[in-house]
Amino acid sequence: MDLFGSVKNFLKPSRASIDNFAFKLTYKFTFVLLIASSVLVTARQYFGDPIDCISRDNIPPALLDTYCWVHTTFSIPDAWNKVVGEEVPYPGVDKYTEGETRKYHAYYQWVWFVLFFMSILFYVPRYFWKSMEGNRIKNLIQNLDLPTLTAAEKEKNRKVVVDYLLNYHHQHNSYFCFRAVAEAMNFATSVGLIFLVDRFLGGEFTSYGLEVLNFSEWDNQALRYDPMVRVFPRMTKCTFHAYGSSGDVQRHDAMCILPINIINEKIFIVLWFWMIALCIITGLALIYRALTYFYPSVRYFMTQNVAQHTDKARLAKVLSKCNAGDWLIFHSLCNNIDPLNFRDIINDLAARLDEKGSLWCKGPAVTEC
């Protein structure tokens, strides 16, 4: 809890909710997950040194660890399928001969940074939407989220909201567009980061989760077939060159244990499933946003489903002349204020509209009726 104490406060709900569940998954839960993972990777006081190298030569261990961490380690792909304990000490760890292919592992130096960078990218759509939204819903709430207001306070605050809705009818098209753009950014970020991480891990990430699932179903599991070990090896090799006592350059082969990869492999398997789910959820959110734009019946159904205390006929009457932007304001208010206060707002709007003889005036001002 000390480690994640600075992150958990981010999950606290805000007073004015301007997002749906899919949006919150990206900027809130995913952001916290990535920040927490980045902190976890750098918390060596809990998991020990990230690398420990072994050499039979007279080389200071601390020097060898630092060198191999900075200059990367490697494994031998041709030794991946050799028998552990007989031919090789570990999958991919073998004596190097000229002409063999080496696979270098430098990603572990950058895992924390990549996770942090991903968290920033997931927060960008939220920052964009919050900037464009401009606290509009927060200002429109007018304390109507509190059921304990006096009758006089309720009537006064409702009048402010109703006047705004009448005066700014059909003036919220940009509000809806900004919301749609932000949700499209969420989907693009979810899909794009899958390919970014795949590039970062050398093309292993897109099929990583499926390979782990297939491996878990094997009856006779062997270490050399574990896809997590192949992507995040726990033991690699490192070559250190130094001058010998005669002044000749000597090559020292060392085996390096990477305890940090036990954390990395778990983080990225969780991220694989989480980001696949995010792609599906944010894609469905985009389809939902398109339906609310093109089909007024969908807008009415969604608001009526939340506004249980509101008269259906009056709600349908008010929403029948709303465009997508006006409806988004109504729906956001419905999600933020007390249900009984929202019912009274709809009743006031219906009554004001009846007085004018039409559902809404043409133009931004009520006085033009």
Protein backbone atom coordinates (compact mmCIF):
# COMPACT_ATOMS: atom_id res chain seq x y z
CA MET A 1 0.00 0.00 0.00
CA ASP A 2 2.95 2.32 0.57
CA LEU A 3 4.10 1.55 -2.96
CA PHE A 4 0.77 2.35 -4.62
CA GLY A 5 -0.53 4.94 -2.17
CA SER A 6 0.08 7.81 -4.58
CA VAL A 7 -1.85 6.03 -7.36
CA LYS A 8 -4.98 4.80 -5.60
CA ASN A 9 -6.34 8.32 -5.05
CA PHE A 10 -6.77 8.63 -8.81
CA LEU A 11 -9.61 6.10 -8.66
CA LYS A 12 -11.76 8.32 -6.48
CA PRO A 13 -14.95 9.33 -8.33
CA SER A 14 -15.42 12.98 -9.25
CA ARG A 15 -18.58 14.88 -8.48
CA ALA A 16 -19.51 15.51 -12.13
CA SER A 17 -19.33 12.45 -14.37
CA ILE A 18 -18.85 13.40 -18.03
CA ASP A 19 -17.78 9.96 -19.28
CA ASN A 20 -19.31 6.56 -19.82
CA PHE A 21 -17.96 3.25 -18.56
CA ALA A 22 -15.82 2.57 -21.63
CA PHE A 23 -14.18 5.99 -21.37
CA LYS A 24 -13.41 5.51 -17.68
CA LEU A 25 -11.76 2.17 -18.40
CA THR A 26 -9.17 3.87 -20.60
CA TYR A 27 -8.23 7.06 -18.76
CA LYS A 28 -8.80 5.85 -15.21
CA PHE A 29 -8.35 2.12 -14.74
CA THR A 30 -5.87 1.58 -17.58
CA PHE A 31 -3.91 4.68 -16.60
CA VAL A 32 -3.64 3.46 -13.00
CA LEU A 33 -2.78 -0.09 -14.12
CA LEU A 34 0.10 1.14 -16.29
CA ILE A 35 1.43 3.59 -13.71
CA ALA A 36 1.29 0.90 -11.02
CA SER A 37 3.11 -1.54 -13.32
CA SER A 38 5.79 1.03 -14.06
CA VAL A 39 6.28 1.64 -10.34
CA LEU A 40 6.36 -2.11 -9.70
CA VAL A 41 9.11 -2.69 -12.26
CA THR A 42 11.33 -0.03 -10.66
CA ALA A 43 10.73 -1.20 -7.07
CA ARG A 44 13.89 -3.27 -6.79
CA GLN A 45 13.77 -3.05 -2.99
CA TYR A 46 10.84 -5.50 -3.15
CA PHE A 47 12.16 -7.91 -5.80
CA GLY A 48 15.93 -7.64 -5.59
CA ASP A 49 18.45 -6.61 -8.23
CA PRO A 50 17.13 -6.68 -11.81
CA ILE A 51 20.18 -8.63 -13.04
CA ASP A 52 22.80 -10.93 -11.48
CA CYS A 53 25.63 -12.25 -13.64
CA ILE A 54 27.88 -15.23 -12.92
CA SER A 55 31.42 -15.61 -14.20
CA ARG A 56 34.25 -17.95 -13.24
CA ASP A 57 36.79 -15.29 -14.15
CA ASN A 58 38.23 -12.74 -11.76
CA ILE A 59 35.78 -9.95 -12.62
CA PRO A 60 34.06 -7.89 -9.89
CA PRO A 61 30.39 -9.03 -9.81
CA ALA A 62 29.06 -5.49 -9.47
CA LEU A 63 31.08 -4.40 -12.52
CA LEU A 64 29.82 -7.34 -14.57
CA ASP A 65 26.19 -6.74 -13.55
CA THR A 66 26.38 -3.08 -14.53
CA TYR A 67 28.08 -3.80 -17.84
CA CYS A 68 25.61 -6.51 -18.88
CA TRP A 69 22.63 -4.38 -17.84
CA VAL A 70 23.84 -1.40 -19.86
CA HIS A 71 25.11 -3.26 -22.92
CA THR A 72 22.27 -5.85 -23.06
CA THR A 73 22.37 -9.62 -22.87
CA PHE A 74 21.63 -12.17 -25.56
CA SER A 75 20.36 -15.69 -26.16
CA ILE A 76 20.98 -18.21 -28.94
CA PRO A 77 17.78 -19.01 -30.91
CA ASP A 78 19.34 -22.26 -32.20
CA ALA A 79 19.66 -23.47 -28.61
CA TRP A 80 15.99 -22.91 -27.82
CA ASN A 81 14.89 -26.49 -28.48
CA LYS A 82 17.91 -28.24 -26.98
CA VAL A 83 17.42 -30.49 -23.97
CA VAL A 84 17.75 -28.56 -20.71
CA GLY A 85 20.16 -30.20 -18.27
CA GLU A 86 21.89 -32.27 -20.95
CA GLU A 87 22.74 -30.04 -23.89
CA VAL A 88 22.17 -26.57 -22.40
CA PRO A 89 21.72 -25.19 -18.87
CA TYR A 90 18.71 -23.12 -19.91
CA PRO A 91 16.67 -22.57 -23.11
CA GLY A 92 18.65 -20.27 -25.40
CA VAL A 93 21.80 -20.33 -23.26
CA ASP A 94 24.64 -22.07 -25.07
CA LYS A 95 28.26 -21.61 -26.09
CA TYR A 96 28.46 -19.09 -28.89
CA THR A 97 30.20 -20.06 -32.10
CA GLU A 98 30.98 -17.87 -35.06
CA GLY A 99 28.10 -17.53 -37.49
CA GLU A 100 25.32 -18.26 -34.99
CA THR A 101 22.46 -15.81 -34.66
CA ARG A 102 22.21 -13.88 -31.44
CA LYS A 103 18.99 -12.44 -30.12
CA TYR A 104 19.76 -9.40 -27.98
CA HIS A 105 17.53 -8.43 -25.08
CA ALA A 106 17.57 -4.71 -24.39
CA TYR A 107 13.88 -4.15 -23.70
CA TYR A 108 14.17 -4.67 -19.92
CA GLN A 109 15.97 -1.34 -19.63
CA TRP A 110 12.96 0.44 -21.10
CA VAL A 111 9.96 -1.44 -19.70
CA TRP A 112 9.21 1.12 -17.02
CA PHE A 113 9.49 3.98 -19.52
CA VAL A 114 7.27 2.26 -22.11
CA LEU A 115 4.61 1.56 -19.48
CA PHE A 116 4.72 5.17 -18.33
CA PHE A 117 4.56 6.41 -21.94
CA MET A 118 1.54 4.17 -22.60
CA SER A 119 -0.24 5.57 -19.55
CA ILE A 120 0.27 9.12 -20.85
CA LEU A 121 -1.13 8.16 -24.26
CA PHE A 122 -4.21 6.63 -22.66
CA TYR A 123 -4.80 9.85 -20.73
CA VAL A 124 -4.52 12.13 -23.79
CA PRO A 125 -8.16 11.53 -24.97
CA ARG A 126 -9.41 12.34 -21.47
CA TYR A 127 -7.36 15.55 -21.38
CA PHE A 128 -8.70 16.53 -24.80
CA TRP A 129 -12.32 15.82 -23.85
CA LYS A 130 -12.05 17.55 -20.49
CA SER A 131 -10.56 20.64 -22.14
CA MET A 132 -13.30 20.77 -24.79
CA GLU A 133 -16.06 20.03 -22.27
CA GLY A 134 -15.05 23.04 -20.18
CA ASN A 135 -16.82 21.94 -16.96
CA ARG A 136 -20.19 22.51 -18.62
CA ILE A 137 -21.96 19.67 -16.83
CA LYS A 138 -20.33 20.54 -13.51
CA ASN A 139 -21.65 24.08 -13.78
CA LEU A 140 -25.11 22.92 -14.87
CA ILE A 141 -25.57 20.60 -11.91
CA GLN A 142 -26.37 23.60 -9.71
CA ASN A 143 -26.31 21.41 -6.56
CA LEU A 144 -29.25 19.45 -7.94
CA ASP A 145 -27.33 16.27 -7.25
CA LEU A 146 -28.17 16.87 -3.58
CA PRO A 147 -31.63 15.59 -2.58
CA THR A 148 -31.62 17.74 0.58
CA LEU A 149 -32.11 21.15 -1.06
CA THR A 150 -35.03 23.26 0.10
CA ALA A 151 -37.99 23.71 -2.23
CA ALA A 152 -37.01 27.34 -2.92
CA GLU A 153 -33.42 26.39 -3.76
CA LYS A 154 -34.57 23.57 -6.05
CA GLU A 155 -36.94 25.85 -7.95
CA LYS A 156 -34.31 28.56 -8.35
CA ASN A 157 -31.62 26.16 -9.54
CA ARG A 158 -33.96 24.32 -11.87
CA LYS A 159 -34.90 27.61 -13.52
CA VAL A 160 -31.21 28.29 -14.26
CA VAL A 161 -30.86 24.88 -15.92
CA VAL A 162 -34.12 25.15 -17.89
CA ASP A 163 -33.26 28.65 -19.12
CA TYR A 164 -29.89 27.42 -20.32
CA LEU A 165 -31.40 24.45 -22.16
CA LEU A 166 -33.96 26.67 -23.87
CA ASN A 167 -31.55 29.44 -24.76
CA TYR A 168 -28.90 27.12 -26.18
CA HIS A 169 -31.10 24.72 -28.08
CA HIS A 170 -29.26 23.20 -31.07
CA GLN A 171 -26.03 24.88 -29.92
CA HIS A 172 -24.31 21.70 -28.72
CA ASN A 173 -23.27 20.06 -31.98
CA SER A 174 -19.60 20.69 -31.28
CA TYR A 175 -20.07 19.20 -27.80
CA PHE A 176 -21.19 15.92 -29.31
CA CYS A 177 -18.45 16.00 -31.96
CA PHE A 178 -15.70 16.51 -29.38
CA ARG A 179 -17.04 13.58 -27.37
CA ALA A 180 -17.08 11.36 -30.47
CA VAL A 181 -13.53 12.42 -31.39
CA ALA A 182 -12.31 11.62 -27.87
CA GLU A 183 -13.89 8.16 -28.02
CA ALA A 184 -12.35 7.56 -31.44
CA MET A 185 -9.00 8.53 -29.90
CA ASN A 186 -9.56 5.90 -27.19
CA PHE A 187 -10.12 3.21 -29.81
CA ALA A 188 -7.14 4.32 -31.89
CA THR A 189 -4.91 4.36 -28.80
CA SER A 190 -6.00 0.88 -27.73
CA VAL A 191 -5.32 -0.60 -31.17
CA GLY A 192 -2.18 1.39 -31.89
CA LEU A 193 -0.46 0.54 -28.62
CA ILE A 194 -0.86 -3.18 -29.28
CA PHE A 195 1.29 -2.79 -32.38
CA LEU A 196 3.67 -0.43 -30.56
CA VAL A 197 4.27 -2.99 -27.80
CA ASP A 198 4.59 -5.71 -30.43
CA ARG A 199 7.35 -3.70 -32.08
CA PHE A 200 8.97 -3.09 -28.69
CA LEU A 201 9.06 -6.83 -27.90
CA GLY A 202 10.37 -7.82 -31.30
CA GLY A 203 7.10 -8.98 -32.84
CA GLU A 204 6.16 -11.31 -29.98
CA PHE A 205 3.26 -9.44 -28.36
CA THR A 206 0.35 -9.87 -30.79
CA SER A 207 0.30 -13.65 -30.32
CA TYR A 208 1.69 -13.66 -26.78
CA GLY A 209 -1.56 -14.26 -24.92
CA LEU A 210 -2.74 -17.03 -27.25
CA GLU A 211 0.58 -18.84 -26.97
CA VAL A 212 0.46 -18.64 -23.16
CA LEU A 213 -3.08 -20.04 -23.17
CA ASN A 214 -2.07 -22.88 -25.48
CA PHE A 215 0.95 -23.66 -23.31
CA SER A 216 -1.17 -23.79 -20.15
CA GLU A 217 -3.30 -26.53 -21.70
CA TRP A 218 -0.39 -28.85 -22.45
CA ASP A 219 -0.25 -32.02 -20.38
CA ASN A 220 3.52 -32.43 -20.58
CA GLN A 221 4.83 -28.92 -20.08
CA ALA A 222 8.50 -28.30 -20.65
CA LEU A 223 10.48 -25.20 -19.80
CA ARG A 224 11.86 -24.81 -23.31
CA TYR A 225 8.35 -24.46 -24.78
CA ASP A 226 7.15 -21.79 -22.35
CA PRO A 227 6.38 -18.69 -24.49
CA MET A 228 6.85 -16.44 -21.46
CA VAL A 229 10.40 -17.74 -21.09
CA ARG A 230 11.08 -17.16 -24.79
CA VAL A 231 9.81 -13.56 -24.72
CA PHE A 232 11.08 -12.77 -21.21
CA PRO A 233 14.03 -15.12 -20.58
CA ARG A 234 15.04 -15.52 -16.97
CA MET A 235 18.60 -16.49 -17.89
CA THR A 236 20.70 -15.09 -20.74
CA LYS A 237 24.34 -14.67 -21.71
CA CYS A 238 26.65 -11.69 -21.70
CA THR A 239 30.11 -11.25 -23.23
CA PHE A 240 32.59 -9.02 -21.42
CA HIS A 241 35.93 -8.05 -23.01
CA ALA A 242 38.88 -6.95 -20.90
CA TYR A 243 42.67 -6.79 -21.05
CA GLY A 244 44.53 -9.69 -19.53
CA SER A 245 47.78 -9.56 -17.59
CA SER A 246 49.75 -9.82 -20.84
CA GLY A 247 47.89 -6.95 -22.47
CA ASP A 248 45.81 -9.14 -24.78
CA VAL A 249 42.07 -8.71 -25.13
CA GLN A 250 40.26 -11.54 -23.36
CA ARG A 251 36.63 -12.54 -23.78
CA HIS A 252 34.66 -13.51 -20.72
CA ASP A 253 31.35 -15.36 -21.10
CA ALA A 254 28.89 -14.88 -18.29
CA MET A 255 25.43 -16.23 -17.55
CA CYS A 256 23.02 -13.60 -16.28
CA ILE A 257 19.88 -14.19 -14.26
CA LEU A 258 17.08 -11.65 -14.85
CA PRO A 259 14.71 -11.76 -11.85
CA ILE A 260 12.95 -8.67 -13.20
CA ASN A 261 11.53 -10.74 -16.05
CA ILE A 262 9.38 -12.72 -13.62
CA ILE A 263 7.53 -9.45 -13.06
CA ASN A 264 7.65 -8.37 -16.71
CA GLU A 265 6.12 -11.57 -18.06
CA LYS A 266 3.15 -11.28 -15.68
CA ILE A 267 2.64 -7.60 -16.44
CA PHE A 268 2.55 -8.10 -20.19
CA ILE A 269 0.26 -11.14 -20.11
CA VAL A 270 -2.23 -9.05 -18.10
CA LEU A 271 -1.76 -6.16 -20.54
CA TRP A 272 -2.38 -8.46 -23.51
CA PHE A 273 -5.81 -9.54 -22.27
CA TRP A 274 -6.63 -6.06 -20.97
CA MET A 275 -5.78 -4.29 -24.23
CA ILE A 276 -7.69 -6.83 -26.33
CA ALA A 277 -10.71 -6.20 -24.10
CA LEU A 278 -10.20 -2.43 -24.43
CA CYS A 279 -10.19 -2.66 -28.22
CA ILE A 280 -13.52 -4.49 -28.14
CA ILE A 281 -15.10 -2.18 -25.55
CA THR A 282 -13.94 1.08 -27.14
CA GLY A 283 -15.01 -0.23 -30.55
CA LEU A 284 -18.49 -0.98 -29.20
CA ALA A 285 -18.53 2.50 -27.63
CA LEU A 286 -17.91 4.01 -31.07
CA ILE A 287 -20.79 1.98 -32.52
CA TYR A 288 -23.02 3.15 -29.67
CA ARG A 289 -22.02 6.78 -30.33
CA ALA A 290 -22.90 6.40 -34.02
CA LEU A 291 -26.30 4.91 -33.12
CA THR A 292 -27.10 7.82 -30.80
CA TYR A 293 -26.23 10.23 -33.60
CA PHE A 294 -28.33 8.65 -36.34
CA TYR A 295 -31.28 7.20 -34.37
CA PRO A 296 -33.31 9.44 -32.01
CA SER A 297 -35.15 6.37 -30.70
CA VAL A 298 -31.87 5.06 -29.30
CA ARG A 299 -31.29 8.37 -27.54
CA TYR A 300 -34.76 8.27 -26.00
CA PHE A 301 -34.37 4.64 -24.91
CA MET A 302 -31.02 5.28 -23.19
CA THR A 303 -32.25 8.32 -21.26
CA GLN A 304 -35.61 6.79 -20.38
CA ASN A 305 -33.83 3.71 -19.07
CA VAL A 306 -31.92 5.87 -16.57
CA ALA A 307 -34.67 8.41 -15.76
CA GLN A 308 -37.04 5.96 -14.09
CA HIS A 309 -39.00 8.65 -12.21
CA THR A 310 -39.62 10.83 -15.28
CA ASP A 311 -42.90 10.76 -17.18
CA LYS A 312 -42.24 8.95 -20.47
CA ALA A 313 -44.58 11.10 -22.54
CA ARG A 314 -43.03 14.35 -21.32
CA LEU A 315 -39.52 13.01 -21.78
CA ALA A 316 -40.35 11.92 -25.34
CA LYS A 317 -41.86 15.33 -26.01
CA VAL A 318 -38.77 17.18 -24.85
CA LEU A 319 -36.32 14.88 -26.64
CA SER A 320 -38.29 14.71 -29.89
CA LYS A 321 -36.78 17.98 -31.15
CA CYS A 322 -33.34 17.54 -29.62
CA ASN A 323 -30.36 16.92 -31.85
CA ALA A 324 -27.52 14.66 -30.77
CA GLY A 325 -25.67 17.43 -28.93
CA ASP A 326 -28.73 18.54 -26.95
CA TRP A 327 -29.46 14.93 -26.02
CA LEU A 328 -25.90 14.41 -24.75
CA ILE A 329 -26.35 17.35 -22.39
CA PHE A 330 -29.69 15.94 -21.19
CA HIS A 331 -28.26 12.46 -20.73
CA SER A 332 -25.24 13.75 -18.82
CA LEU A 333 -27.50 15.76 -16.53
CA CYS A 334 -29.64 12.70 -15.97
CA ASN A 335 -26.58 10.74 -14.87
CA ASN A 336 -25.38 13.44 -12.47
CA ILE A 337 -28.36 14.98 -10.68
CA ASP A 338 -30.93 13.50 -8.35
CA PRO A 339 -33.63 11.52 -10.28
CA LEU A 340 -36.47 13.54 -8.75
CA ASN A 341 -34.80 16.82 -9.64
CA PHE A 342 -34.30 15.61 -13.22
CA ARG A 343 -37.98 14.70 -13.35
CA ASP A 344 -38.88 18.23 -12.28
CA ILE A 345 -36.57 19.71 -14.93
CA ILE A 346 -38.34 17.71 -17.64
CA ASN A 347 -41.72 18.80 -16.26
CA ASP A 348 -40.63 22.45 -16.25
CA LEU A 349 -39.33 22.17 -19.80
CA ALA A 350 -42.52 20.54 -21.04
CA ALA A 351 -44.60 23.27 -19.40
CA ARG A 352 -42.46 26.06 -20.82
CA LEU A 353 -42.68 24.53 -24.26
CA ASP A 354 -46.47 24.27 -24.04
CA GLU A 355 -46.64 27.97 -23.18
CA LYS A 356 -44.75 28.83 -26.36
CA GLY A 357 -47.04 26.76 -28.56
CA SER A 358 -44.14 24.85 -30.10
CA LEU A 359 -41.44 22.55 -28.89
CA TRP A 360 -38.69 25.08 -29.32
CA CYS A 361 -38.08 28.51 -30.73
CA LYS A 362 -36.04 29.09 -33.82
CA GLY A 363 -32.88 30.79 -32.78
CA PRO A 364 -30.74 30.91 -29.66
CA ALA A 365 -33.03 33.11 -27.55
CA VAL A 366 -36.42 32.32 -26.07
CA THR A 367 -37.54 35.91 -26.66
CA GLU A 368 -37.64 35.25 -30.41
CA CYS A 369 -40.81 33.14 -30.05
